[in-house]
């Protein structure tokens, strides 16, 4: 019975996973209305980032290794053509090897009245 107690948040960072959709279809990108999202870019380097809201981004160019805070070996890699979702509350280091240009959207930007 004690095993049911596994959802205490002792290692909450492990629940925060970056998800990557490789080469999403044009129809998927249109559905998300990506071209209306703001754009952001950065040059190669290391960046400490904390996400206070869930972010979805689509990389037009670039290559990134994202290391969760406190880890130097566990990372996810993504780059141009990837649709990436970063969970709220994640702190990580972005090791950017190729300059990034991306569209992005924060979850809090979605209006709750959007009916399709």
PDB file of N, CA and C in Angstrom:
ATOM      1  N   UNK A   1       0.803  -1.205   0.000  1.00  0.00           N
ATOM      2  CA  UNK A   1       0.000   0.000   0.000  1.00  0.00           C
ATOM      3  C   UNK A   1       0.843   1.265   0.000  1.00  0.00           C
ATOM      4  N   UNK A   2       1.982   1.230   0.621  1.00  0.00           N
ATOM      5  CA  UNK A   2       2.830   2.414   0.687  1.00  0.00           C
ATOM      6  C   UNK A   2       3.265   2.885  -0.700  1.00  0.00           C
ATOM      7  N   UNK A   3       3.237   1.983  -1.673  1.00  0.00           N
ATOM      8  CA  UNK A   3       3.689   2.348  -3.006  1.00  0.00           C
ATOM      9  C   UNK A   3       2.780   3.372  -3.677  1.00  0.00           C
ATOM     10  N   UNK A   4       1.546   3.456  -3.235  1.00  0.00           N
ATOM     11  CA  UNK A   4       0.641   4.444  -3.814  1.00  0.00           C
ATOM     12  C   UNK A   4       1.071   5.866  -3.489  1.00  0.00           C
ATOM     13  N   UNK A   5       2.010   5.981  -2.584  1.00  0.00           N
ATOM     14  CA  UNK A   5       2.436   7.292  -2.113  1.00  0.00           C
ATOM     15  C   UNK A   5       3.511   7.914  -3.002  1.00  0.00           C
ATOM     16  N   UNK A   6       3.648   7.424  -4.213  1.00  0.00           N
ATOM     17  CA  UNK A   6       4.755   7.852  -5.054  1.00  0.00           C
ATOM     18  C   UNK A   6       4.604   9.225  -5.694  1.00  0.00           C
ATOM     19  N   UNK A   7       3.462   9.880  -5.529  1.00  0.00           N
ATOM     20  CA  UNK A   7       3.400  11.179  -6.163  1.00  0.00           C
ATOM     21  C   UNK A   7       3.662  12.323  -5.196  1.00  0.00           C
ATOM     22  N   UNK A   8       4.570  12.119  -4.246  1.00  0.00           N
ATOM     23  CA  UNK A   8       5.066  13.269  -3.504  1.00  0.00           C
ATOM     24  C   UNK A   8       6.089  13.955  -4.404  1.00  0.00           C
ATOM     25  N   UNK A   9       6.307  15.235  -4.202  1.00  0.00           N
ATOM     26  CA  UNK A   9       7.106  15.986  -5.161  1.00  0.00           C
ATOM     27  C   UNK A   9       8.579  16.060  -4.804  1.00  0.00           C
ATOM     28  N   UNK A  10       9.134  14.998  -4.228  1.00  0.00           N
ATOM     29  CA  UNK A  10      10.533  15.045  -3.825  1.00  0.00           C
ATOM     30  C   UNK A  10      11.459  15.253  -5.023  1.00  0.00           C
ATOM     31  N   UNK A  11      11.149  14.630  -6.149  1.00  0.00           N
ATOM     32  CA  UNK A  11      11.965  14.904  -7.337  1.00  0.00           C
ATOM     33  C   UNK A  11      11.060  15.428  -8.447  1.00  0.00           C
ATOM     34  N   UNK A  12      10.466  16.584  -8.186  1.00  0.00           N
ATOM     35  CA  UNK A  12       9.480  17.136  -9.099  1.00  0.00           C
ATOM     36  C   UNK A  12      10.103  17.487 -10.440  1.00  0.00           C
ATOM     37  N   UNK A  13      11.402  17.781 -10.456  1.00  0.00           N
ATOM     38  CA  UNK A  13      12.043  18.146 -11.720  1.00  0.00           C
ATOM     39  C   UNK A  13      11.999  16.998 -12.719  1.00  0.00           C
ATOM     40  N   UNK A  14      11.927  15.767 -12.223  1.00  0.00           N
ATOM     41  CA  UNK A  14      11.880  14.620 -13.128  1.00  0.00           C
ATOM     42  C   UNK A  14      10.568  14.540 -13.891  1.00  0.00           C
ATOM     43  N   UNK A  15       9.536  15.189 -13.366  1.00  0.00           N
ATOM     44  CA  UNK A  15       8.250  15.168 -14.058  1.00  0.00           C
ATOM     45  C   UNK A  15       8.217  16.209 -15.176  1.00  0.00           C
ATOM     46  N   UNK A  16       9.162  17.138 -15.147  1.00  0.00           N
ATOM     47  CA  UNK A  16       9.171  18.213 -16.128  1.00  0.00           C
ATOM     48  C   UNK A  16      10.016  17.778 -17.313  1.00  0.00           C
ATOM     49  N   UNK A  17       9.343  17.382 -18.354  1.00  0.00           N
ATOM     50  CA  UNK A  17      10.024  16.851 -19.527  1.00  0.00           C
ATOM     51  C   UNK A  17       9.765  17.737 -20.734  1.00  0.00           C
ATOM     52  N   UNK A  18      10.823  18.055 -21.444  1.00  0.00           N
ATOM     53  CA  UNK A  18      10.672  18.772 -22.703  1.00  0.00           C
ATOM     54  C   UNK A  18      10.217  17.754 -23.748  1.00  0.00           C
ATOM     55  N   UNK A  19       9.156  18.066 -24.465  1.00  0.00           N
ATOM     56  CA  UNK A  19       8.708  17.151 -25.521  1.00  0.00           C
ATOM     57  C   UNK A  19       9.012  17.769 -26.882  1.00  0.00           C
ATOM     58  N   UNK A  20       9.405  16.923 -27.804  1.00  0.00           N
ATOM     59  CA  UNK A  20       9.840  17.387 -29.117  1.00  0.00           C
ATOM     60  C   UNK A  20       9.061  16.645 -30.192  1.00  0.00           C
ATOM     61  N   UNK A  21       8.460  17.429 -31.074  1.00  0.00           N
ATOM     62  CA  UNK A  21       7.766  16.867 -32.242  1.00  0.00           C
ATOM     63  C   UNK A  21       8.657  17.180 -33.437  1.00  0.00           C
ATOM     64  N   UNK A  22       9.275  16.155 -34.011  1.00  0.00           N
ATOM     65  CA  UNK A  22      10.209  16.360 -35.121  1.00  0.00           C
ATOM     66  C   UNK A  22       9.453  16.594 -36.426  1.00  0.00           C
ATOM     67  N   UNK A  23       9.853  17.623 -37.141  1.00  0.00           N
ATOM     68  CA  UNK A  23       9.285  17.932 -38.456  1.00  0.00           C
ATOM     69  C   UNK A  23       7.761  17.817 -38.525  1.00  0.00           C
ATOM     70  N   UNK A  24       7.058  18.637 -37.742  1.00  0.00           N
ATOM     71  CA  UNK A  24       5.592  18.598 -37.812  1.00  0.00           C
ATOM     72  C   UNK A  24       5.112  18.997 -39.209  1.00  0.00           C
ATOM     73  N   UNK A  25       3.947  18.503 -39.583  1.00  0.00           N
ATOM     74  CA  UNK A  25       3.410  18.779 -40.918  1.00  0.00           C
ATOM     75  C   UNK A  25       3.003  20.245 -41.047  1.00  0.00           C
ATOM     76  N   UNK A  26       2.928  20.709 -42.289  1.00  0.00           N
ATOM     77  CA  UNK A  26       2.490  22.090 -42.537  1.00  0.00           C
ATOM     78  C   UNK A  26       1.083  22.319 -41.986  1.00  0.00           C
ATOM     79  N   UNK A  27       0.222  21.295 -42.097  1.00  0.00           N
ATOM     80  CA  UNK A  27      -1.140  21.477 -41.598  1.00  0.00           C
ATOM     81  C   UNK A  27      -1.131  21.655 -40.070  1.00  0.00           C
ATOM     82  N   UNK A  28      -0.248  20.937 -39.399  1.00  0.00           N
ATOM     83  CA  UNK A  28      -0.128  21.087 -37.944  1.00  0.00           C
ATOM     84  C   UNK A  28       0.343  22.495 -37.597  1.00  0.00           C
ATOM     85  N   UNK A  29       1.320  23.017 -38.339  1.00  0.00           N
ATOM     86  CA  UNK A  29       1.838  24.361 -38.084  1.00  0.00           C
ATOM     87  C   UNK A  29       0.766  25.411 -38.365  1.00  0.00           C
ATOM     88  N   UNK A  30      -0.017  25.199 -39.425  1.00  0.00           N
ATOM     89  CA  UNK A  30      -1.100  26.146 -39.745  1.00  0.00           C
ATOM     90  C   UNK A  30      -2.156  26.131 -38.656  1.00  0.00           C
ATOM     91  N   UNK A  31      -2.467  24.931 -38.183  1.00  0.00           N
ATOM     92  CA  UNK A  31      -3.469  24.761 -37.135  1.00  0.00           C
ATOM     93  C   UNK A  31      -3.050  25.539 -35.874  1.00  0.00           C
ATOM     94  N   UNK A  32      -1.764  25.527 -35.585  1.00  0.00           N
ATOM     95  CA  UNK A  32      -1.245  26.245 -34.415  1.00  0.00           C
ATOM     96  C   UNK A  32      -1.097  27.746 -34.688  1.00  0.00           C
ATOM     97  N   UNK A  33      -1.237  28.135 -35.963  1.00  0.00           N
ATOM     98  CA  UNK A  33      -1.120  29.535 -36.351  1.00  0.00           C
ATOM     99  C   UNK A  33       0.256  30.108 -35.992  1.00  0.00           C
ATOM    100  N   UNK A  34       1.273  29.308 -36.218  1.00  0.00           N
ATOM    101  CA  UNK A  34       2.631  29.640 -35.791  1.00  0.00           C
ATOM    102  C   UNK A  34       3.139  30.965 -36.339  1.00  0.00           C
ATOM    103  N   UNK A  35       2.766  31.289 -37.575  1.00  0.00           N
ATOM    104  CA  UNK A  35       3.313  32.505 -38.187  1.00  0.00           C
ATOM    105  C   UNK A  35       2.816  33.787 -37.502  1.00  0.00           C
ATOM    106  N   UNK A  36       1.812  33.661 -36.659  1.00  0.00           N
ATOM    107  CA  UNK A  36       1.329  34.822 -35.902  1.00  0.00           C
ATOM    108  C   UNK A  36       2.005  34.946 -34.536  1.00  0.00           C
ATOM    109  N   UNK A  37       2.799  33.957 -34.167  1.00  0.00           N
ATOM    110  CA  UNK A  37       3.470  33.994 -32.868  1.00  0.00           C
ATOM    111  C   UNK A  37       4.640  34.972 -32.915  1.00  0.00           C
ATOM    112  N   UNK A  38       5.033  35.504 -31.751  1.00  0.00           N
ATOM    113  CA  UNK A  38       6.234  36.345 -31.728  1.00  0.00           C
ATOM    114  C   UNK A  38       7.472  35.512 -32.049  1.00  0.00           C
ATOM    115  N   UNK A  39       8.540  36.208 -32.461  1.00  0.00           N
ATOM    116  CA  UNK A  39       9.791  35.514 -32.769  1.00  0.00           C
ATOM    117  C   UNK A  39      10.864  35.896 -31.753  1.00  0.00           C
ATOM    118  N   UNK A  40      11.804  34.981 -31.571  1.00  0.00           N
ATOM    119  CA  UNK A  40      12.918  35.216 -30.655  1.00  0.00           C
ATOM    120  C   UNK A  40      14.134  34.525 -31.222  1.00  0.00           C
ATOM    121  N   UNK A  41      15.283  35.106 -31.001  1.00  0.00           N
ATOM    122  CA  UNK A  41      16.501  34.473 -31.470  1.00  0.00           C
ATOM    123  C   UNK A  41      17.633  34.710 -30.489  1.00  0.00           C
ATOM    124  N   UNK A  42      18.664  33.896 -30.587  1.00  0.00           N
ATOM    125  CA  UNK A  42      19.851  34.101 -29.768  1.00  0.00           C
ATOM    126  C   UNK A  42      21.053  33.556 -30.516  1.00  0.00           C
ATOM    127  N   UNK A  43      22.210  34.091 -30.162  1.00  0.00           N
ATOM    128  CA  UNK A  43      23.444  33.612 -30.783  1.00  0.00           C
ATOM    129  C   UNK A  43      23.986  32.442 -29.976  1.00  0.00           C
ATOM    130  N   UNK A  44      24.968  31.718 -30.507  1.00  0.00           N
ATOM    131  CA  UNK A  44      25.532  30.591 -29.763  1.00  0.00           C
ATOM    132  C   UNK A  44      26.039  31.019 -28.392  1.00  0.00           C
ATOM    133  N   UNK A  45      25.881  30.135 -27.424  1.00  0.00           N
ATOM    134  CA  UNK A  45      26.307  30.424 -26.060  1.00  0.00           C
ATOM    135  C   UNK A  45      25.512  29.577 -25.093  1.00  0.00           C
ATOM    136  N   UNK A  46      25.713  29.853 -23.797  1.00  0.00           N
ATOM    137  CA  UNK A  46      24.978  29.121 -22.753  1.00  0.00           C
ATOM    138  C   UNK A  46      24.029  30.088 -22.061  1.00  0.00           C
ATOM    139  N   UNK A  47      22.802  29.659 -21.883  1.00  0.00           N
ATOM    140  CA  UNK A  47      21.757  30.499 -21.301  1.00  0.00           C
ATOM    141  C   UNK A  47      21.058  29.750 -20.182  1.00  0.00           C
ATOM    142  N   UNK A  48      20.937  30.393 -19.022  1.00  0.00           N
ATOM    143  CA  UNK A  48      20.178  29.833 -17.899  1.00  0.00           C
ATOM    144  C   UNK A  48      18.741  30.312 -18.076  1.00  0.00           C
ATOM    145  N   UNK A  49      17.818  29.387 -18.207  1.00  0.00           N
ATOM    146  CA  UNK A  49      16.428  29.765 -18.456  1.00  0.00           C
ATOM    147  C   UNK A  49      15.508  29.115 -17.434  1.00  0.00           C
ATOM    148  N   UNK A  50      14.508  29.885 -17.011  1.00  0.00           N
ATOM    149  CA  UNK A  50      13.459  29.339 -16.139  1.00  0.00           C
ATOM    150  C   UNK A  50      12.136  29.658 -16.794  1.00  0.00           C
ATOM    151  N   UNK A  51      11.304  28.638 -16.940  1.00  0.00           N
ATOM    152  CA  UNK A  51      10.028  28.812 -17.632  1.00  0.00           C
ATOM    153  C   UNK A  51       8.903  28.935 -16.610  1.00  0.00           C
ATOM    154  N   UNK A  52       8.336  30.140 -16.517  1.00  0.00           N
ATOM    155  CA  UNK A  52       7.255  30.396 -15.558  1.00  0.00           C
ATOM    156  C   UNK A  52       5.894  30.068 -16.154  1.00  0.00           C
ATOM    157  N   UNK A  53       5.885  29.747 -17.431  1.00  0.00           N
ATOM    158  CA  UNK A  53       4.659  29.306 -18.099  1.00  0.00           C
ATOM    159  C   UNK A  53       5.089  28.270 -19.126  1.00  0.00           C
ATOM    160  N   UNK A  54       4.174  27.381 -19.476  1.00  0.00           N
ATOM    161  CA  UNK A  54       4.504  26.400 -20.507  1.00  0.00           C
ATOM    162  C   UNK A  54       4.756  27.138 -21.818  1.00  0.00           C
ATOM    163  N   UNK A  55       5.846  26.779 -22.486  1.00  0.00           N
ATOM    164  CA  UNK A  55       6.156  27.403 -23.771  1.00  0.00           C
ATOM    165  C   UNK A  55       6.155  26.357 -24.873  1.00  0.00           C
ATOM    166  N   UNK A  56       5.530  26.724 -25.991  1.00  0.00           N
ATOM    167  CA  UNK A  56       5.628  25.923 -27.202  1.00  0.00           C
ATOM    168  C   UNK A  56       6.409  26.760 -28.194  1.00  0.00           C
ATOM    169  N   UNK A  57       7.411  26.173 -28.826  1.00  0.00           N
ATOM    170  CA  UNK A  57       8.170  26.941 -29.805  1.00  0.00           C
ATOM    171  C   UNK A  57       8.497  26.079 -31.018  1.00  0.00           C
ATOM    172  N   UNK A  58       8.670  26.763 -32.134  1.00  0.00           N
ATOM    173  CA  UNK A  58       9.016  26.103 -33.386  1.00  0.00           C
ATOM    174  C   UNK A  58      10.307  26.724 -33.883  1.00  0.00           C
ATOM    175  N   UNK A  59      11.347  25.908 -34.008  1.00  0.00           N
ATOM    176  CA  UNK A  59      12.652  26.427 -34.404  1.00  0.00           C
ATOM    177  C   UNK A  59      12.780  26.500 -35.925  1.00  0.00           C
ATOM    178  N   UNK A  60      13.033  27.702 -36.407  1.00  0.00           N
ATOM    179  CA  UNK A  60      13.287  27.905 -37.834  1.00  0.00           C
ATOM    180  C   UNK A  60      14.736  27.552 -38.137  1.00  0.00           C
ATOM    181  N   UNK A  61      15.606  27.897 -37.207  1.00  0.00           N
ATOM    182  CA  UNK A  61      16.996  27.475 -37.318  1.00  0.00           C
ATOM    183  C   UNK A  61      17.605  27.360 -35.937  1.00  0.00           C
ATOM    184  N   UNK A  62      18.756  26.713 -35.893  1.00  0.00           N
ATOM    185  CA  UNK A  62      19.450  26.586 -34.625  1.00  0.00           C
ATOM    186  C   UNK A  62      19.648  25.150 -34.203  1.00  0.00           C
ATOM    187  N   UNK A  63      20.451  24.994 -33.158  1.00  0.00           N
ATOM    188  CA  UNK A  63      20.682  23.690 -32.546  1.00  0.00           C
ATOM    189  C   UNK A  63      20.943  23.921 -31.065  1.00  0.00           C
ATOM    190  N   UNK A  64      20.186  23.199 -30.220  1.00  0.00           N
ATOM    191  CA  UNK A  64      20.223  23.421 -28.775  1.00  0.00           C
ATOM    192  C   UNK A  64      20.337  22.093 -28.047  1.00  0.00           C
ATOM    193  N   UNK A  65      21.152  22.073 -26.997  1.00  0.00           N
ATOM    194  CA  UNK A  65      21.112  21.003 -26.003  1.00  0.00           C
ATOM    195  C   UNK A  65      20.578  21.659 -24.736  1.00  0.00           C
ATOM    196  N   UNK A  66      19.474  21.139 -24.211  1.00  0.00           N
ATOM    197  CA  UNK A  66      18.876  21.692 -22.992  1.00  0.00           C
ATOM    198  C   UNK A  66      19.157  20.741 -21.835  1.00  0.00           C
ATOM    199  N   UNK A  67      19.875  21.258 -20.835  1.00  0.00           N
ATOM    200  CA  UNK A  67      20.234  20.472 -19.648  1.00  0.00           C
ATOM    201  C   UNK A  67      19.339  20.897 -18.498  1.00  0.00           C
ATOM    202  N   UNK A  68      18.574  19.971 -17.897  1.00  0.00           N
ATOM    203  CA  UNK A  68      17.796  20.328 -16.707  1.00  0.00           C
ATOM    204  C   UNK A  68      18.725  20.838 -15.620  1.00  0.00           C
ATOM    205  N   UNK A  69      18.230  21.771 -14.826  1.00  0.00           N
ATOM    206  CA  UNK A  69      19.035  22.352 -13.751  1.00  0.00           C
ATOM    207  C   UNK A  69      19.650  21.244 -12.888  1.00  0.00           C
ATOM    208  N   UNK A  70      20.929  21.373 -12.617  1.00  0.00           N
ATOM    209  CA  UNK A  70      21.596  20.423 -11.742  1.00  0.00           C
ATOM    210  C   UNK A  70      22.129  19.186 -12.448  1.00  0.00           C
ATOM    211  N   UNK A  71      21.972  19.118 -13.770  1.00  0.00           N
ATOM    212  CA  UNK A  71      22.466  17.944 -14.489  1.00  0.00           C
ATOM    213  C   UNK A  71      23.461  18.379 -15.553  1.00  0.00           C
ATOM    214  N   UNK A  72      24.540  17.626 -15.681  1.00  0.00           N
ATOM    215  CA  UNK A  72      25.498  17.938 -16.739  1.00  0.00           C
ATOM    216  C   UNK A  72      25.536  16.825 -17.781  1.00  0.00           C
ATOM    217  N   UNK A  73      24.789  15.748 -17.541  1.00  0.00           N
ATOM    218  CA  UNK A  73      24.838  14.619 -18.476  1.00  0.00           C
ATOM    219  C   UNK A  73      23.487  14.337 -19.123  1.00  0.00           C
ATOM    220  N   UNK A  74      22.407  14.706 -18.443  1.00  0.00           N
ATOM    221  CA  UNK A  74      21.061  14.427 -18.937  1.00  0.00           C
ATOM    222  C   UNK A  74      20.609  15.629 -19.755  1.00  0.00           C
ATOM    223  N   UNK A  75      20.398  15.451 -21.058  1.00  0.00           N
ATOM    224  CA  UNK A  75      19.957  16.597 -21.853  1.00  0.00           C
ATOM    225  C   UNK A  75      19.058  16.135 -22.979  1.00  0.00           C
ATOM    226  N   UNK A  76      18.309  17.078 -23.542  1.00  0.00           N
ATOM    227  CA  UNK A  76      17.554  16.814 -24.761  1.00  0.00           C
ATOM    228  C   UNK A  76      18.110  17.750 -25.822  1.00  0.00           C
ATOM    229  N   UNK A  77      18.108  17.268 -27.038  1.00  0.00           N
ATOM    230  CA  UNK A  77      18.655  18.056 -28.138  1.00  0.00           C
ATOM    231  C   UNK A  77      17.558  18.314 -29.151  1.00  0.00           C
ATOM    232  N   UNK A  78      17.480  19.546 -29.631  1.00  0.00           N
ATOM    233  CA  UNK A  78      16.503  19.885 -30.664  1.00  0.00           C
ATOM    234  C   UNK A  78      17.076  20.983 -31.543  1.00  0.00           C
ATOM    235  N   UNK A  79      16.428  21.180 -32.688  1.00  0.00           N
ATOM    236  CA  UNK A  79      16.953  22.164 -33.625  1.00  0.00           C
ATOM    237  C   UNK A  79      15.936  22.527 -34.684  1.00  0.00           C
ATOM    238  N   UNK A  80      16.446  23.077 -35.780  1.00  0.00           N
ATOM    239  CA  UNK A  80      15.595  23.582 -36.858  1.00  0.00           C
ATOM    240  C   UNK A  80      14.571  22.529 -37.276  1.00  0.00           C
ATOM    241  N   UNK A  81      13.311  22.960 -37.406  1.00  0.00           N
ATOM    242  CA  UNK A  81      12.242  22.071 -37.838  1.00  0.00           C
ATOM    243  C   UNK A  81      11.535  21.352 -36.713  1.00  0.00           C
ATOM    244  N   UNK A  82      11.986  21.567 -35.464  1.00  0.00           N
ATOM    245  CA  UNK A  82      11.360  20.888 -34.325  1.00  0.00           C
ATOM    246  C   UNK A  82      10.338  21.795 -33.638  1.00  0.00           C
ATOM    247  N   UNK A  83       9.224  21.181 -33.251  1.00  0.00           N
ATOM    248  CA  UNK A  83       8.205  21.836 -32.447  1.00  0.00           C
ATOM    249  C   UNK A  83       8.414  21.336 -31.023  1.00  0.00           C
ATOM    250  N   UNK A  84       8.730  22.255 -30.122  1.00  0.00           N
ATOM    251  CA  UNK A  84       9.193  21.883 -28.784  1.00  0.00           C
ATOM    252  C   UNK A  84       8.233  22.450 -27.738  1.00  0.00           C
ATOM    253  N   UNK A  85       7.859  21.613 -26.763  1.00  0.00           N
ATOM    254  CA  UNK A  85       7.030  22.074 -25.654  1.00  0.00           C
ATOM    255  C   UNK A  85       7.845  21.963 -24.373  1.00  0.00           C
ATOM    256  N   UNK A  86       7.949  23.096 -23.675  1.00  0.00           N
ATOM    257  CA  UNK A  86       8.739  23.159 -22.447  1.00  0.00           C
ATOM    258  C   UNK A  86       7.766  23.378 -21.292  1.00  0.00           C
ATOM    259  N   UNK A  87       7.780  22.491 -20.290  1.00  0.00           N
ATOM    260  CA  UNK A  87       6.784  22.578 -19.221  1.00  0.00           C
ATOM    261  C   UNK A  87       7.010  23.755 -18.284  1.00  0.00           C
ATOM    262  N   UNK A  88       5.917  24.255 -17.745  1.00  0.00           N
ATOM    263  CA  UNK A  88       5.968  25.315 -16.744  1.00  0.00           C
ATOM    264  C   UNK A  88       6.781  24.840 -15.541  1.00  0.00           C
ATOM    265  N   UNK A  89       7.641  25.724 -15.032  1.00  0.00           N
ATOM    266  CA  UNK A  89       8.402  25.407 -13.838  1.00  0.00           C
ATOM    267  C   UNK A  89       9.776  24.819 -14.103  1.00  0.00           C
ATOM    268  N   UNK A  90      10.096  24.537 -15.377  1.00  0.00           N
ATOM    269  CA  UNK A  90      11.387  23.933 -15.685  1.00  0.00           C
ATOM    270  C   UNK A  90      12.495  24.983 -15.660  1.00  0.00           C
ATOM    271  N   UNK A  91      13.577  24.666 -14.969  1.00  0.00           N
ATOM    272  CA  UNK A  91      14.799  25.468 -15.054  1.00  0.00           C
ATOM    273  C   UNK A  91      15.816  24.642 -15.812  1.00  0.00           C
ATOM    274  N   UNK A  92      16.469  25.253 -16.779  1.00  0.00           N
ATOM    275  CA  UNK A  92      17.447  24.504 -17.548  1.00  0.00           C
ATOM    276  C   UNK A  92      18.486  25.439 -18.148  1.00  0.00           C
ATOM    277  N   UNK A  93      19.555  24.831 -18.630  1.00  0.00           N
ATOM    278  CA  UNK A  93      20.587  25.572 -19.343  1.00  0.00           C
ATOM    279  C   UNK A  93      20.484  25.204 -20.809  1.00  0.00           C
ATOM    280  N   UNK A  94      20.394  26.214 -21.659  1.00  0.00           N
ATOM    281  CA  UNK A  94      20.425  25.982 -23.095  1.00  0.00           C
ATOM    282  C   UNK A  94      21.852  26.172 -23.570  1.00  0.00           C
ATOM    283  N   UNK A  95      22.419  25.121 -24.123  1.00  0.00           N
ATOM    284  CA  UNK A  95      23.740  25.197 -24.735  1.00  0.00           C
ATOM    285  C   UNK A  95      23.489  25.287 -26.235  1.00  0.00           C
ATOM    286  N   UNK A  96      23.572  26.510 -26.755  1.00  0.00           N
ATOM    287  CA  UNK A  96      23.221  26.779 -28.145  1.00  0.00           C
ATOM    288  C   UNK A  96      24.485  26.692 -28.999  1.00  0.00           C
ATOM    289  N   UNK A  97      24.538  25.713 -29.908  1.00  0.00           N
ATOM    290  CA  UNK A  97      25.721  25.559 -30.759  1.00  0.00           C
ATOM    291  C   UNK A  97      25.544  26.246 -32.114  1.00  0.00           C
ATOM    292  N   UNK A  98      24.288  26.381 -32.559  1.00  0.00           N
ATOM    293  CA  UNK A  98      23.980  27.095 -33.795  1.00  0.00           C
ATOM    294  C   UNK A  98      22.909  28.125 -33.451  1.00  0.00           C
ATOM    295  N   UNK A  99      23.110  29.379 -33.857  1.00  0.00           N
ATOM    296  CA  UNK A  99      22.193  30.471 -33.516  1.00  0.00           C
ATOM    297  C   UNK A  99      20.735  30.074 -33.750  1.00  0.00           C
ATOM    298  N   UNK A 100      19.890  30.443 -32.792  1.00  0.00           N
ATOM    299  CA  UNK A 100      18.480  30.058 -32.808  1.00  0.00           C
ATOM    300  C   UNK A 100      17.611  31.193 -33.351  1.00  0.00           C
ATOM    301  N   UNK A 101      16.638  30.820 -34.150  1.00  0.00           N
ATOM    302  CA  UNK A 101      15.575  31.711 -34.590  1.00  0.00           C
ATOM    303  C   UNK A 101      14.303  30.895 -34.442  1.00  0.00           C
ATOM    304  N   UNK A 102      13.363  31.379 -33.636  1.00  0.00           N
ATOM    305  CA  UNK A 102      12.181  30.556 -33.353  1.00  0.00           C
ATOM    306  C   UNK A 102      10.933  31.397 -33.194  1.00  0.00           C
ATOM    307  N   UNK A 103       9.804  30.760 -33.453  1.00  0.00           N
ATOM    308  CA  UNK A 103       8.501  31.287 -33.069  1.00  0.00           C
ATOM    309  C   UNK A 103       8.186  30.690 -31.714  1.00  0.00           C
ATOM    310  N   UNK A 104       7.506  31.453 -30.845  1.00  0.00           N
ATOM    311  CA  UNK A 104       7.183  30.900 -29.530  1.00  0.00           C
ATOM    312  C   UNK A 104       5.831  31.410 -29.042  1.00  0.00           C
ATOM    313  N   UNK A 105       5.269  30.657 -28.122  1.00  0.00           N
ATOM    314  CA  UNK A 105       3.994  31.045 -27.506  1.00  0.00           C
ATOM    315  C   UNK A 105       3.954  30.497 -26.095  1.00  0.00           C
ATOM    316  N   UNK A 106       3.549  31.337 -25.150  1.00  0.00           N
ATOM    317  CA  UNK A 106       3.370  30.885 -23.774  1.00  0.00           C
ATOM    318  C   UNK A 106       1.930  30.481 -23.551  1.00  0.00           C
ATOM    319  N   UNK A 107       1.748  29.440 -22.752  1.00  0.00           N
ATOM    320  CA  UNK A 107       0.416  28.890 -22.492  1.00  0.00           C
ATOM    321  C   UNK A 107      -0.528  29.969 -21.992  1.00  0.00           C
ATOM    322  N   UNK A 108      -0.021  30.891 -21.170  1.00  0.00           N
ATOM    323  CA  UNK A 108      -0.889  31.922 -20.593  1.00  0.00           C
ATOM    324  C   UNK A 108      -1.432  32.872 -21.649  1.00  0.00           C
ATOM    325  N   UNK A 109      -0.846  32.858 -22.864  1.00  0.00           N
ATOM    326  CA  UNK A 109      -1.333  33.718 -23.924  1.00  0.00           C
ATOM    327  C   UNK A 109      -2.623  33.205 -24.547  1.00  0.00           C
ATOM    328  N   UNK A 110      -2.899  31.916 -24.373  1.00  0.00           N
ATOM    329  CA  UNK A 110      -4.103  31.355 -24.990  1.00  0.00           C
ATOM    330  C   UNK A 110      -5.335  31.938 -24.300  1.00  0.00           C
ATOM    331  N   UNK A 111      -6.274  32.396 -25.114  1.00  0.00           N
ATOM    332  CA  UNK A 111      -7.518  32.871 -24.494  1.00  0.00           C
ATOM    333  C   UNK A 111      -8.421  31.668 -24.280  1.00  0.00           C
ATOM    334  N   UNK A 112      -9.079  31.642 -23.152  1.00  0.00           N
ATOM    335  CA  UNK A 112      -9.908  30.497 -22.824  1.00  0.00           C
ATOM    336  C   UNK A 112     -11.179  30.487 -23.673  1.00  0.00           C
ATOM    337  N   UNK A 113     -11.435  31.592 -24.369  1.00  0.00           N
ATOM    338  CA  UNK A 113     -12.660  31.661 -25.176  1.00  0.00           C
ATOM    339  C   UNK A 113     -12.423  31.223 -26.609  1.00  0.00           C
ATOM    340  N   UNK A 114     -11.268  30.617 -26.902  1.00  0.00           N
ATOM    341  CA  UNK A 114     -11.002  30.204 -28.276  1.00  0.00           C
ATOM    342  C   UNK A 114     -11.788  28.941 -28.602  1.00  0.00           C
ATOM    343  N   UNK A 115     -12.828  29.103 -29.391  1.00  0.00           N
ATOM    344  CA  UNK A 115     -13.616  27.941 -29.811  1.00  0.00           C
ATOM    345  C   UNK A 115     -13.399  27.764 -31.300  1.00  0.00           C
ATOM    346  N   UNK A 116     -13.141  26.526 -31.725  1.00  0.00           N
ATOM    347  CA  UNK A 116     -12.880  26.331 -33.152  1.00  0.00           C
ATOM    348  C   UNK A 116     -14.093  25.797 -33.874  1.00  0.00           C
TER     349      UNK A 116
END
